[in-house]
PDB file of N, CA and C in Angstrom:
ATOM      1  N   MET A   1      12.790  48.049  67.216  1.00  0.00           N
ATOM      2  CA  MET A   1      12.234  49.377  67.014  1.00  0.00           C
ATOM      3  C   MET A   1      12.904  50.001  65.793  1.00  0.00           C
ATOM      4  N   ARG A   2      12.119  50.566  64.941  1.00  0.00           N
ATOM      5  CA  ARG A   2      12.642  51.128  63.702  1.00  0.00           C
ATOM      6  C   ARG A   2      12.986  52.603  63.885  1.00  0.00           C
ATOM      7  N   PRO A   3      13.915  53.120  63.069  1.00  0.00           N
ATOM      8  CA  PRO A   3      14.319  54.520  63.187  1.00  0.00           C
ATOM      9  C   PRO A   3      13.147  55.485  63.113  1.00  0.00           C
ATOM     10  N   ALA A   4      12.124  55.132  62.362  1.00  0.00           N
ATOM     11  CA  ALA A   4      10.969  56.028  62.233  1.00  0.00           C
ATOM     12  C   ALA A   4      10.259  56.205  63.577  1.00  0.00           C
ATOM     13  N   ASP A   5      10.472  55.260  64.502  1.00  0.00           N
ATOM     14  CA  ASP A   5       9.863  55.356  65.819  1.00  0.00           C
ATOM     15  C   ASP A   5      10.521  56.446  66.667  1.00  0.00           C
ATOM     16  N   HIS A   6      11.731  56.842  66.301  1.00  0.00           N
ATOM     17  CA  HIS A   6      12.468  57.894  66.997  1.00  0.00           C
ATOM     18  C   HIS A   6      12.988  58.900  65.972  1.00  0.00           C
ATOM     19  N   PRO A   7      12.128  59.773  65.473  1.00  0.00           N
ATOM     20  CA  PRO A   7      12.513  60.639  64.354  1.00  0.00           C
ATOM     21  C   PRO A   7      13.651  61.611  64.677  1.00  0.00           C
ATOM     22  N   ASN A   8      13.913  61.900  65.947  1.00  0.00           N
ATOM     23  CA  ASN A   8      14.981  62.842  66.281  1.00  0.00           C
ATOM     24  C   ASN A   8      16.331  62.164  66.481  1.00  0.00           C
ATOM     25  N   ARG A   9      16.347  60.840  66.515  1.00  0.00           N
ATOM     26  CA  ARG A   9      17.592  60.107  66.707  1.00  0.00           C
ATOM     27  C   ARG A   9      18.200  59.814  65.343  1.00  0.00           C
ATOM     28  N   PRO A  10      19.506  60.045  65.190  1.00  0.00           N
ATOM     29  CA  PRO A  10      20.141  59.717  63.910  1.00  0.00           C
ATOM     30  C   PRO A  10      20.037  58.216  63.624  1.00  0.00           C
ATOM     31  N   ILE A  11      20.022  57.870  62.363  1.00  0.00           N
ATOM     32  CA  ILE A  11      19.969  56.459  61.956  1.00  0.00           C
ATOM     33  C   ILE A  11      21.349  55.861  62.194  1.00  0.00           C
ATOM     34  N   SER A  12      21.379  54.817  63.001  1.00  0.00           N
ATOM     35  CA  SER A  12      22.654  54.177  63.347  1.00  0.00           C
ATOM     36  C   SER A  12      23.001  53.090  62.331  1.00  0.00           C
ATOM     37  N   LEU A  13      24.256  52.678  62.387  1.00  0.00           N
ATOM     38  CA  LEU A  13      24.678  51.560  61.540  1.00  0.00           C
ATOM     39  C   LEU A  13      23.857  50.331  61.890  1.00  0.00           C
ATOM     40  N   PHE A  14      23.606  50.094  63.174  1.00  0.00           N
ATOM     41  CA  PHE A  14      22.787  48.941  63.544  1.00  0.00           C
ATOM     42  C   PHE A  14      21.378  49.036  62.976  1.00  0.00           C
ATOM     43  N   ASP A  15      20.789  50.233  62.953  1.00  0.00           N
ATOM     44  CA  ASP A  15      19.462  50.402  62.349  1.00  0.00           C
ATOM     45  C   ASP A  15      19.463  49.908  60.908  1.00  0.00           C
ATOM     46  N   VAL A  16      20.502  50.256  60.182  1.00  0.00           N
ATOM     47  CA  VAL A  16      20.609  49.870  58.771  1.00  0.00           C
ATOM     48  C   VAL A  16      20.808  48.355  58.656  1.00  0.00           C
ATOM     49  N   VAL A  17      21.690  47.809  59.485  1.00  0.00           N
ATOM     50  CA  VAL A  17      21.929  46.362  59.458  1.00  0.00           C
ATOM     51  C   VAL A  17      20.652  45.612  59.821  1.00  0.00           C
ATOM     52  N   LYS A  18      19.972  46.065  60.840  1.00  0.00           N
ATOM     53  CA  LYS A  18      18.727  45.415  61.288  1.00  0.00           C
ATOM     54  C   LYS A  18      17.700  45.412  60.152  1.00  0.00           C
ATOM     55  N   ARG A  19      17.555  46.531  59.472  1.00  0.00           N
ATOM     56  CA  ARG A  19      16.592  46.607  58.366  1.00  0.00           C
ATOM     57  C   ARG A  19      17.004  45.677  57.234  1.00  0.00           C
ATOM     58  N   ALA A  20      18.291  45.636  56.913  1.00  0.00           N
ATOM     59  CA  ALA A  20      18.768  44.742  55.853  1.00  0.00           C
ATOM     60  C   ALA A  20      18.468  43.287  56.212  1.00  0.00           C
ATOM     61  N   VAL A  21      18.740  42.909  57.448  1.00  0.00           N
ATOM     62  CA  VAL A  21      18.478  41.543  57.902  1.00  0.00           C
ATOM     63  C   VAL A  21      16.980  41.249  57.866  1.00  0.00           C
ATOM     64  N   ASP A  22      16.165  42.205  58.288  1.00  0.00           N
ATOM     65  CA  ASP A  22      14.709  42.017  58.264  1.00  0.00           C
ATOM     66  C   ASP A  22      14.194  41.814  56.840  1.00  0.00           C
ATOM     67  N   ILE A  23      14.789  42.508  55.886  1.00  0.00           N
ATOM     68  CA  ILE A  23      14.375  42.370  54.486  1.00  0.00           C
ATOM     69  C   ILE A  23      14.803  41.005  53.943  1.00  0.00           C
ATOM     70  N   VAL A  24      16.030  40.616  54.226  1.00  0.00           N
ATOM     71  CA  VAL A  24      16.567  39.365  53.682  1.00  0.00           C
ATOM     72  C   VAL A  24      15.942  38.142  54.358  1.00  0.00           C
ATOM     73  N   ASP A  25      15.719  38.239  55.647  1.00  0.00           N
ATOM     74  CA  ASP A  25      15.267  37.080  56.419  1.00  0.00           C
ATOM     75  C   ASP A  25      14.104  37.460  57.332  1.00  0.00           C
ATOM     76  N   PRO A  26      12.954  37.768  56.758  1.00  0.00           N
ATOM     77  CA  PRO A  26      11.834  38.254  57.563  1.00  0.00           C
ATOM     78  C   PRO A  26      11.318  37.241  58.588  1.00  0.00           C
ATOM     79  N   ASP A  27      11.573  35.955  58.357  1.00  0.00           N
ATOM     80  CA  ASP A  27      11.080  34.925  59.269  1.00  0.00           C
ATOM     81  C   ASP A  27      12.140  34.446  60.265  1.00  0.00           C
ATOM     82  N   ASP A  28      13.298  35.079  60.270  1.00  0.00           N
ATOM     83  CA  ASP A  28      14.400  34.690  61.172  1.00  0.00           C
ATOM     84  C   ASP A  28      14.779  33.223  61.034  1.00  0.00           C
ATOM     85  N   ASP A  29      14.902  32.753  59.799  1.00  0.00           N
ATOM     86  CA  ASP A  29      15.251  31.359  59.542  1.00  0.00           C
ATOM     87  C   ASP A  29      16.736  31.149  59.253  1.00  0.00           C
ATOM     88  N   ASP A  30      17.441  32.196  58.875  1.00  0.00           N
ATOM     89  CA  ASP A  30      18.823  32.073  58.412  1.00  0.00           C
ATOM     90  C   ASP A  30      19.787  32.446  59.537  1.00  0.00           C
ATOM     91  N   ALA A  31      20.525  31.456  60.030  1.00  0.00           N
ATOM     92  CA  ALA A  31      21.469  31.682  61.127  1.00  0.00           C
ATOM     93  C   ALA A  31      22.534  32.712  60.751  1.00  0.00           C
ATOM     94  N   ASP A  32      22.916  32.764  59.481  1.00  0.00           N
ATOM     95  CA  ASP A  32      23.911  33.746  59.041  1.00  0.00           C
ATOM     96  C   ASP A  32      23.404  35.175  59.253  1.00  0.00           C
ATOM     97  N   MET A  33      22.105  35.379  59.056  1.00  0.00           N
ATOM     98  CA  MET A  33      21.539  36.715  59.270  1.00  0.00           C
ATOM     99  C   MET A  33      21.566  37.074  60.754  1.00  0.00           C
ATOM    100  N   GLY A  34      21.309  36.105  61.602  1.00  0.00           N
ATOM    101  CA  GLY A  34      21.407  36.345  63.042  1.00  0.00           C
ATOM    102  C   GLY A  34      22.821  36.710  63.445  1.00  0.00           C
ATOM    103  N   GLU A  35      23.784  36.031  62.851  1.00  0.00           N
ATOM    104  CA  GLU A  35      25.190  36.316  63.138  1.00  0.00           C
ATOM    105  C   GLU A  35      25.576  37.717  62.654  1.00  0.00           C
ATOM    106  N   LEU A  36      25.100  38.088  61.479  1.00  0.00           N
ATOM    107  CA  LEU A  36      25.383  39.424  60.949  1.00  0.00           C
ATOM    108  C   LEU A  36      24.824  40.494  61.881  1.00  0.00           C
ATOM    109  N   GLU A  37      23.614  40.281  62.336  1.00  0.00           N
ATOM    110  CA  GLU A  37      22.988  41.228  63.252  1.00  0.00           C
ATOM    111  C   GLU A  37      23.777  41.317  64.566  1.00  0.00           C
ATOM    112  N   GLU A  38      24.245  40.168  65.063  1.00  0.00           N
ATOM    113  CA  GLU A  38      25.049  40.150  66.292  1.00  0.00           C
ATOM    114  C   GLU A  38      26.344  40.938  66.144  1.00  0.00           C
ATOM    115  N   ILE A  39      26.989  40.796  65.013  1.00  0.00           N
ATOM    116  CA  ILE A  39      28.258  41.494  64.785  1.00  0.00           C
ATOM    117  C   ILE A  39      28.084  43.005  64.935  1.00  0.00           C
ATOM    118  N   PHE A  40      26.947  43.517  64.494  1.00  0.00           N
ATOM    119  CA  PHE A  40      26.723  44.960  64.486  1.00  0.00           C
ATOM    120  C   PHE A  40      25.805  45.443  65.615  1.00  0.00           C
ATOM    121  N   GLU A  41      25.467  44.571  66.567  1.00  0.00           N
ATOM    122  CA  GLU A  41      24.479  44.946  67.574  1.00  0.00           C
ATOM    123  C   GLU A  41      24.889  46.152  68.428  1.00  0.00           C
ATOM    124  N   ASP A  42      26.167  46.404  68.564  1.00  0.00           N
ATOM    125  CA  ASP A  42      26.625  47.556  69.346  1.00  0.00           C
ATOM    126  C   ASP A  42      27.012  48.748  68.478  1.00  0.00           C
ATOM    127  N   ALA A  43      26.727  48.678  67.194  1.00  0.00           N
ATOM    128  CA  ALA A  43      27.105  49.740  66.253  1.00  0.00           C
ATOM    129  C   ALA A  43      26.053  50.843  66.281  1.00  0.00           C
ATOM    130  N   ASP A  44      26.084  51.620  67.361  1.00  0.00           N
ATOM    131  CA  ASP A  44      25.061  52.646  67.536  1.00  0.00           C
ATOM    132  C   ASP A  44      25.474  54.018  67.014  1.00  0.00           C
ATOM    133  N   GLU A  45      26.650  54.089  66.369  1.00  0.00           N
ATOM    134  CA  GLU A  45      27.085  55.361  65.804  1.00  0.00           C
ATOM    135  C   GLU A  45      26.236  55.697  64.575  1.00  0.00           C
ATOM    136  N   PRO A  46      26.007  56.989  64.331  1.00  0.00           N
ATOM    137  CA  PRO A  46      25.235  57.367  63.136  1.00  0.00           C
ATOM    138  C   PRO A  46      25.902  56.813  61.877  1.00  0.00           C
ATOM    139  N   VAL A  47      25.122  56.205  61.027  1.00  0.00           N
ATOM    140  CA  VAL A  47      25.656  55.565  59.835  1.00  0.00           C
ATOM    141  C   VAL A  47      26.354  56.578  58.931  1.00  0.00           C
ATOM    142  N   THR A  48      25.937  57.830  58.986  1.00  0.00           N
ATOM    143  CA  THR A  48      26.562  58.848  58.142  1.00  0.00           C
ATOM    144  C   THR A  48      28.001  59.131  58.558  1.00  0.00           C
ATOM    145  N   GLY A  49      28.374  58.780  59.777  1.00  0.00           N
ATOM    146  CA  GLY A  49      29.723  59.052  60.256  1.00  0.00           C
ATOM    147  C   GLY A  49      30.646  57.852  60.242  1.00  0.00           C
ATOM    148  N   VAL A  50      30.181  56.726  59.730  1.00  0.00           N
ATOM    149  CA  VAL A  50      30.990  55.505  59.729  1.00  0.00           C
ATOM    150  C   VAL A  50      32.013  55.584  58.608  1.00  0.00           C
ATOM    151  N   GLU A  51      33.287  55.499  58.993  1.00  0.00           N
ATOM    152  CA  GLU A  51      34.349  55.497  57.986  1.00  0.00           C
ATOM    153  C   GLU A  51      34.604  54.066  57.538  1.00  0.00           C
ATOM    154  N   ASN A  52      34.986  53.904  56.297  1.00  0.00           N
ATOM    155  CA  ASN A  52      35.311  52.587  55.733  1.00  0.00           C
ATOM    156  C   ASN A  52      34.169  51.588  55.900  1.00  0.00           C
ATOM    157  N   LEU A  53      32.962  52.040  55.638  1.00  0.00           N
ATOM    158  CA  LEU A  53      31.797  51.174  55.791  1.00  0.00           C
ATOM    159  C   LEU A  53      31.920  49.929  54.926  1.00  0.00           C
ATOM    160  N   GLU A  54      32.346  50.088  53.689  1.00  0.00           N
ATOM    161  CA  GLU A  54      32.469  48.948  52.791  1.00  0.00           C
ATOM    162  C   GLU A  54      33.405  47.898  53.377  1.00  0.00           C
ATOM    163  N   GLU A  55      34.527  48.356  53.923  1.00  0.00           N
ATOM    164  CA  GLU A  55      35.500  47.435  54.519  1.00  0.00           C
ATOM    165  C   GLU A  55      34.925  46.758  55.757  1.00  0.00           C
ATOM    166  N   ARG A  56      34.239  47.520  56.571  1.00  0.00           N
ATOM    167  CA  ARG A  56      33.647  46.974  57.795  1.00  0.00           C
ATOM    168  C   ARG A  56      32.615  45.893  57.468  1.00  0.00           C
ATOM    169  N   VAL A  57      31.789  46.147  56.470  1.00  0.00           N
ATOM    170  CA  VAL A  57      30.786  45.166  56.054  1.00  0.00           C
ATOM    171  C   VAL A  57      31.479  43.955  55.435  1.00  0.00           C
ATOM    172  N   ALA A  58      32.474  44.188  54.605  1.00  0.00           N
ATOM    173  CA  ALA A  58      33.190  43.085  53.960  1.00  0.00           C
ATOM    174  C   ALA A  58      33.846  42.172  54.993  1.00  0.00           C
ATOM    175  N   LEU A  59      34.442  42.740  56.023  1.00  0.00           N
ATOM    176  CA  LEU A  59      35.064  41.920  57.064  1.00  0.00           C
ATOM    177  C   LEU A  59      34.023  41.100  57.811  1.00  0.00           C
ATOM    178  N   ALA A  60      32.891  41.685  58.087  1.00  0.00           N
ATOM    179  CA  ALA A  60      31.821  40.963  58.775  1.00  0.00           C
ATOM    180  C   ALA A  60      31.327  39.807  57.913  1.00  0.00           C
ATOM    181  N   VAL A  61      31.098  40.092  56.647  1.00  0.00           N
ATOM    182  CA  VAL A  61      30.595  39.074  55.720  1.00  0.00           C
ATOM    183  C   VAL A  61      31.618  37.958  55.545  1.00  0.00           C
ATOM    184  N   GLU A  62      32.888  38.325  55.445  1.00  0.00           N
ATOM    185  CA  GLU A  62      33.949  37.332  55.280  1.00  0.00           C
ATOM    186  C   GLU A  62      33.981  36.375  56.471  1.00  0.00           C
ATOM    187  N   GLY A  63      33.738  36.902  57.664  1.00  0.00           N
ATOM    188  CA  GLY A  63      33.726  36.061  58.847  1.00  0.00           C
ATOM    189  C   GLY A  63      32.534  35.121  58.904  1.00  0.00           C
ATOM    190  N   ILE A  64      31.468  35.471  58.229  1.00  0.00           N
ATOM    191  CA  ILE A  64      30.248  34.658  58.232  1.00  0.00           C
ATOM    192  C   ILE A  64      30.233  33.673  57.070  1.00  0.00           C
ATOM    193  N   ASP A  65      30.599  34.132  55.892  1.00  0.00           N
ATOM    194  CA  ASP A  65      30.459  33.333  54.672  1.00  0.00           C
ATOM    195  C   ASP A  65      31.680  33.540  53.787  1.00  0.00           C
ATOM    196  N   ASN A  66      32.818  33.050  54.244  1.00  0.00           N
ATOM    197  CA  ASN A  66      34.082  33.264  53.549  1.00  0.00           C
ATOM    198  C   ASN A  66      34.058  32.730  52.124  1.00  0.00           C
ATOM    199  N   ALA A  67      33.341  31.646  51.882  1.00  0.00           N
ATOM    200  CA  ALA A  67      33.306  31.050  50.551  1.00  0.00           C
ATOM    201  C   ALA A  67      32.221  31.660  49.665  1.00  0.00           C
ATOM    202  N   VAL A  68      31.508  32.640  50.171  1.00  0.00           N
ATOM    203  CA  VAL A  68      30.440  33.327  49.444  1.00  0.00           C
ATOM    204  C   VAL A  68      29.442  32.310  48.874  1.00  0.00           C
ATOM    205  N   GLU A  69      28.997  31.418  49.733  1.00  0.00           N
ATOM    206  CA  GLU A  69      28.055  30.385  49.311  1.00  0.00           C
ATOM    207  C   GLU A  69      26.602  30.775  49.561  1.00  0.00           C
ATOM    208  N   ASN A  70      26.357  31.605  50.553  1.00  0.00           N
ATOM    209  CA  ASN A  70      24.994  31.977  50.904  1.00  0.00           C
ATOM    210  C   ASN A  70      24.647  33.297  50.226  1.00  0.00           C
ATOM    211  N   PRO A  71      23.800  33.265  49.208  1.00  0.00           N
ATOM    212  CA  PRO A  71      23.473  34.507  48.514  1.00  0.00           C
ATOM    213  C   PRO A  71      22.779  35.525  49.423  1.00  0.00           C
ATOM    214  N   ALA A  72      22.111  35.055  50.464  1.00  0.00           N
ATOM    215  CA  ALA A  72      21.453  35.975  51.392  1.00  0.00           C
ATOM    216  C   ALA A  72      22.473  36.885  52.071  1.00  0.00           C
ATOM    217  N   VAL A  73      23.648  36.363  52.349  1.00  0.00           N
ATOM    218  CA  VAL A  73      24.699  37.173  52.974  1.00  0.00           C
ATOM    219  C   VAL A  73      25.157  38.259  51.999  1.00  0.00           C
ATOM    220  N   SER A  74      25.330  37.888  50.739  1.00  0.00           N
ATOM    221  CA  SER A  74      25.731  38.873  49.729  1.00  0.00           C
ATOM    222  C   SER A  74      24.667  39.955  49.572  1.00  0.00           C
ATOM    223  N   VAL A  75      23.410  39.545  49.564  1.00  0.00           N
ATOM    224  CA  VAL A  75      22.316  40.505  49.420  1.00  0.00           C
ATOM    225  C   VAL A  75      22.244  41.412  50.646  1.00  0.00           C
ATOM    226  N   ALA A  76      22.401  40.838  51.837  1.00  0.00           N
ATOM    227  CA  ALA A  76      22.354  41.642  53.058  1.00  0.00           C
ATOM    228  C   ALA A  76      23.479  42.679  53.057  1.00  0.00           C
ATOM    229  N   ALA A  77      24.671  42.274  52.660  1.00  0.00           N
ATOM    230  CA  ALA A  77      25.793  43.219  52.599  1.00  0.00           C
ATOM    231  C   ALA A  77      25.494  44.345  51.616  1.00  0.00           C
ATOM    232  N   ALA A  78      24.961  43.984  50.466  1.00  0.00           N
ATOM    233  CA  ALA A  78      24.611  44.999  49.465  1.00  0.00           C
ATOM    234  C   ALA A  78      23.535  45.936  50.005  1.00  0.00           C
ATOM    235  N   LEU A  79      22.557  45.374  50.707  1.00  0.00           N
ATOM    236  CA  LEU A  79      21.491  46.195  51.300  1.00  0.00           C
ATOM    237  C   LEU A  79      22.050  47.170  52.331  1.00  0.00           C
ATOM    238  N   ILE A  80      22.961  46.712  53.154  1.00  0.00           N
ATOM    239  CA  ILE A  80      23.557  47.593  54.160  1.00  0.00           C
ATOM    240  C   ILE A  80      24.208  48.793  53.487  1.00  0.00           C
ATOM    241  N   LEU A  81      24.995  48.522  52.470  1.00  0.00           N
ATOM    242  CA  LEU A  81      25.688  49.614  51.783  1.00  0.00           C
ATOM    243  C   LEU A  81      24.698  50.532  51.068  1.00  0.00           C
ATOM    244  N   TYR A  82      23.699  49.950  50.432  1.00  0.00           N
ATOM    245  CA  TYR A  82      22.702  50.746  49.718  1.00  0.00           C
ATOM    246  C   TYR A  82      21.920  51.625  50.698  1.00  0.00           C
ATOM    247  N   LEU A  83      21.401  51.015  51.755  1.00  0.00           N
ATOM    248  CA  LEU A  83      20.574  51.756  52.705  1.00  0.00           C
ATOM    249  C   LEU A  83      21.376  52.785  53.506  1.00  0.00           C
ATOM    250  N   ALA A  84      22.658  52.554  53.671  1.00  0.00           N
ATOM    251  CA  ALA A  84      23.500  53.538  54.362  1.00  0.00           C
ATOM    252  C   ALA A  84      23.551  54.841  53.570  1.00  0.00           C
ATOM    253  N   HIS A  85      23.481  54.726  52.260  1.00  0.00           N
ATOM    254  CA  HIS A  85      23.526  55.913  51.401  1.00  0.00           C
ATOM    255  C   HIS A  85      22.138  56.401  51.001  1.00  0.00           C
ATOM    256  N   ARG A  86      21.166  55.500  51.029  1.00  0.00           N
ATOM    257  CA  ARG A  86      19.792  55.854  50.658  1.00  0.00           C
ATOM    258  C   ARG A  86      18.876  55.634  51.859  1.00  0.00           C
ATOM    259  N   ARG A  87      19.149  56.387  52.899  1.00  0.00           N
ATOM    260  CA  ARG A  87      18.379  56.242  54.142  1.00  0.00           C
ATOM    261  C   ARG A  87      16.904  56.555  53.934  1.00  0.00           C
ATOM    262  N   ASP A  88      16.592  57.311  52.889  1.00  0.00           N
ATOM    263  CA  ASP A  88      15.189  57.604  52.577  1.00  0.00           C
ATOM    264  C   ASP A  88      14.436  56.343  52.155  1.00  0.00           C
ATOM    265  N   GLU A  89      15.142  55.273  51.817  1.00  0.00           N
ATOM    266  CA  GLU A  89      14.535  54.011  51.405  1.00  0.00           C
ATOM    267  C   GLU A  89      14.428  53.013  52.567  1.00  0.00           C
ATOM    268  N   LEU A  90      14.851  53.422  53.752  1.00  0.00           N
ATOM    269  CA  LEU A  90      14.921  52.509  54.886  1.00  0.00           C
ATOM    270  C   LEU A  90      13.587  51.822  55.186  1.00  0.00           C
ATOM    271  N   ASN A  91      12.514  52.532  55.079  1.00  0.00           N
ATOM    272  CA  ASN A  91      11.205  51.956  55.399  1.00  0.00           C
ATOM    273  C   ASN A  91      10.365  51.661  54.162  1.00  0.00           C
ATOM    274  N   ALA A  92      11.018  51.652  52.999  1.00  0.00           N
ATOM    275  CA  ALA A  92      10.301  51.377  51.743  1.00  0.00           C
ATOM    276  C   ALA A  92       9.959  49.888  51.647  1.00  0.00           C
ATOM    277  N   ASP A  93       9.118  49.560  50.693  1.00  0.00           N
ATOM    278  CA  ASP A  93       8.721  48.187  50.442  1.00  0.00           C
ATOM    279  C   ASP A  93       9.960  47.314  50.203  1.00  0.00           C
ATOM    280  N   PRO A  94      10.075  46.182  50.899  1.00  0.00           N
ATOM    281  CA  PRO A  94      11.259  45.323  50.762  1.00  0.00           C
ATOM    282  C   PRO A  94      11.572  44.913  49.321  1.00  0.00           C
ATOM    283  N   ASP A  95      10.568  44.551  48.542  1.00  0.00           N
ATOM    284  CA  ASP A  95      10.822  44.145  47.162  1.00  0.00           C
ATOM    285  C   ASP A  95      11.410  45.293  46.346  1.00  0.00           C
ATOM    286  N   HIS A  96      10.885  46.471  46.570  1.00  0.00           N
ATOM    287  CA  HIS A  96      11.385  47.673  45.894  1.00  0.00           C
ATOM    288  C   HIS A  96      12.852  47.911  46.250  1.00  0.00           C
ATOM    289  N   VAL A  97      13.166  47.808  47.535  1.00  0.00           N
ATOM    290  CA  VAL A  97      14.536  48.037  47.999  1.00  0.00           C
ATOM    291  C   VAL A  97      15.474  46.960  47.461  1.00  0.00           C
ATOM    292  N   LEU A  98      15.030  45.719  47.447  1.00  0.00           N
ATOM    293  CA  LEU A  98      15.863  44.646  46.894  1.00  0.00           C
ATOM    294  C   LEU A  98      16.174  44.886  45.420  1.00  0.00           C
ATOM    295  N   ARG A  99      15.184  45.286  44.669  1.00  0.00           N
ATOM    296  CA  ARG A  99      15.369  45.548  43.239  1.00  0.00           C
ATOM    297  C   ARG A  99      16.373  46.697  43.030  1.00  0.00           C
ATOM    298  N   LEU A 100      16.179  47.782  43.759  1.00  0.00           N
ATOM    299  CA  LEU A 100      17.085  48.923  43.620  1.00  0.00           C
ATOM    300  C   LEU A 100      18.500  48.582  44.063  1.00  0.00           C
ATOM    301  N   THR A 101      18.605  47.802  45.122  1.00  0.00           N
ATOM    302  CA  THR A 101      19.922  47.399  45.622  1.00  0.00           C
ATOM    303  C   THR A 101      20.655  46.550  44.591  1.00  0.00           C
ATOM    304  N   ALA A 102      19.953  45.584  44.000  1.00  0.00           N
ATOM    305  CA  ALA A 102      20.582  44.726  42.994  1.00  0.00           C
ATOM    306  C   ALA A 102      21.038  45.544  41.791  1.00  0.00           C
ATOM    307  N   ARG A 103      20.241  46.508  41.418  1.00  0.00           N
ATOM    308  CA  ARG A 103      20.629  47.371  40.290  1.00  0.00           C
ATOM    309  C   ARG A 103      21.849  48.213  40.637  1.00  0.00           C
ATOM    310  N   ALA A 104      21.882  48.725  41.868  1.00  0.00           N
ATOM    311  CA  ALA A 104      22.993  49.589  42.278  1.00  0.00           C
ATOM    312  C   ALA A 104      24.274  48.789  42.527  1.00  0.00           C
ATOM    313  N   GLU A 105      24.161  47.699  43.262  1.00  0.00           N
ATOM    314  CA  GLU A 105      25.346  46.934  43.667  1.00  0.00           C
ATOM    315  C   GLU A 105      25.969  46.166  42.508  1.00  0.00           C
ATOM    316  N   TRP A 106      25.132  45.548  41.697  1.00  0.00           N
ATOM    317  CA  TRP A 106      25.647  44.702  40.627  1.00  0.00           C
ATOM    318  C   TRP A 106      25.331  45.263  39.249  1.00  0.00           C
ATOM    319  N   LYS A 107      24.979  46.520  39.188  1.00  0.00           N
ATOM    320  CA  LYS A 107      24.672  47.193  37.923  1.00  0.00           C
ATOM    321  C   LYS A 107      23.635  46.393  37.114  1.00  0.00           C
ATOM    322  N   GLY A 108      22.676  45.827  37.839  1.00  0.00           N
ATOM    323  CA  GLY A 108      21.594  45.090  37.197  1.00  0.00           C
ATOM    324  C   GLY A 108      21.945  43.681  36.776  1.00  0.00           C
ATOM    325  N   ASP A 109      23.173  43.230  37.055  1.00  0.00           N
ATOM    326  CA  ASP A 109      23.601  41.897  36.653  1.00  0.00           C
ATOM    327  C   ASP A 109      24.235  41.171  37.841  1.00  0.00           C
ATOM    328  N   PRO A 110      23.406  40.777  38.824  1.00  0.00           N
ATOM    329  CA  PRO A 110      23.965  40.103  39.998  1.00  0.00           C
ATOM    330  C   PRO A 110      24.506  38.721  39.655  1.00  0.00           C
ATOM    331  N   PRO A 111      25.369  38.179  40.524  1.00  0.00           N
ATOM    332  CA  PRO A 111      25.856  36.810  40.305  1.00  0.00           C
ATOM    333  C   PRO A 111      24.676  35.840  40.233  1.00  0.00           C
ATOM    334  N   GLU A 112      24.886  34.714  39.596  1.00  0.00           N
ATOM    335  CA  GLU A 112      23.803  33.765  39.366  1.00  0.00           C
ATOM    336  C   GLU A 112      23.107  33.338  40.657  1.00  0.00           C
ATOM    337  N   ASN A 113      23.887  33.064  41.721  1.00  0.00           N
ATOM    338  CA  ASN A 113      23.246  32.614  42.956  1.00  0.00           C
ATOM    339  C   ASN A 113      22.378  33.714  43.572  1.00  0.00           C
ATOM    340  N   VAL A 114      22.793  34.956  43.429  1.00  0.00           N
ATOM    341  CA  VAL A 114      21.992  36.085  43.920  1.00  0.00           C
ATOM    342  C   VAL A 114      20.761  36.260  43.036  1.00  0.00           C
ATOM    343  N   ARG A 115      20.942  36.155  41.736  1.00  0.00           N
ATOM    344  CA  ARG A 115      19.812  36.275  40.807  1.00  0.00           C
ATOM    345  C   ARG A 115      18.767  35.200  41.109  1.00  0.00           C
ATOM    346  N   ASP A 116      19.236  33.964  41.380  1.00  0.00           N
ATOM    347  CA  ASP A 116      18.315  32.873  41.714  1.00  0.00           C
ATOM    348  C   ASP A 116      17.603  33.150  43.044  1.00  0.00           C
ATOM    349  N   TRP A 117      18.354  33.679  44.013  1.00  0.00           N
ATOM    350  CA  TRP A 117      17.766  34.004  45.321  1.00  0.00           C
ATOM    351  C   TRP A 117      16.683  35.076  45.155  1.00  0.00           C
ATOM    352  N   LEU A 118      17.001  36.091  44.382  1.00  0.00           N
ATOM    353  CA  LEU A 118      16.024  37.151  44.138  1.00  0.00           C
ATOM    354  C   LEU A 118      14.797  36.608  43.399  1.00  0.00           C
ATOM    355  N   ALA A 119      15.031  35.781  42.392  1.00  0.00           N
ATOM    356  CA  ALA A 119      13.933  35.214  41.603  1.00  0.00           C
ATOM    357  C   ALA A 119      13.014  34.363  42.483  1.00  0.00           C
ATOM    358  N   ALA A 120      13.587  33.647  43.432  1.00  0.00           N
ATOM    359  CA  ALA A 120      12.793  32.822  44.349  1.00  0.00           C
ATOM    360  C   ALA A 120      11.864  33.691  45.196  1.00  0.00           C
ATOM    361  N   ARG A 121      12.233  34.950  45.357  1.00  0.00           N
ATOM    362  CA  ARG A 121      11.398  35.895  46.099  1.00  0.00           C
ATOM    363  C   ARG A 121      10.496  36.702  45.168  1.00  0.00           C
ATOM    364  N   GLY A 122      10.556  36.415  43.875  1.00  0.00           N
ATOM    365  CA  GLY A 122       9.725  37.105  42.911  1.00  0.00           C
ATOM    366  C   GLY A 122      10.278  38.446  42.462  1.00  0.00           C
ATOM    367  N   ILE A 123      11.586  38.643  42.669  1.00  0.00           N
ATOM    368  CA  ILE A 123      12.228  39.908  42.310  1.00  0.00           C
ATOM    369  C   ILE A 123      12.974  39.736  40.994  1.00  0.00           C
ATOM    370  N   THR A 124      12.647  40.578  40.035  1.00  0.00           N
ATOM    371  CA  THR A 124      13.403  40.619  38.788  1.00  0.00           C
ATOM    372  C   THR A 124      14.181  41.937  38.762  1.00  0.00           C
ATOM    373  N   VAL A 125      15.385  41.846  38.255  1.00  0.00           N
ATOM    374  CA  VAL A 125      16.259  43.028  38.237  1.00  0.00           C
ATOM    375  C   VAL A 125      16.162  43.712  36.895  1.00  0.00           C
TER     376      VAL A 125
END
């Protein structure tokens, strides 16, 4: 269920993580995305009140992909941070959100593996 389905409920950290995972892995093919979602499944606190969000996401990502080999994990982490601050983009077109996230997180110059991952999805930064 998406946050828009409950307009009076604050957007939780899990809502943001769920949306990021849905954007990165719409077909539920990537086990790392399932693991990321599991890590945050009980994170029902409003995302606006989460302290040290960057650290919390980094620790989760480190536990999933310590060698930073899966670009989807890097993109999902960037999406979580982006959407936590740009909640107005939560239900926007996935390609649009991916493009904006890459521009914000990597200042338009993502690492090569992320750039290749985005290009495979037809996203240019």
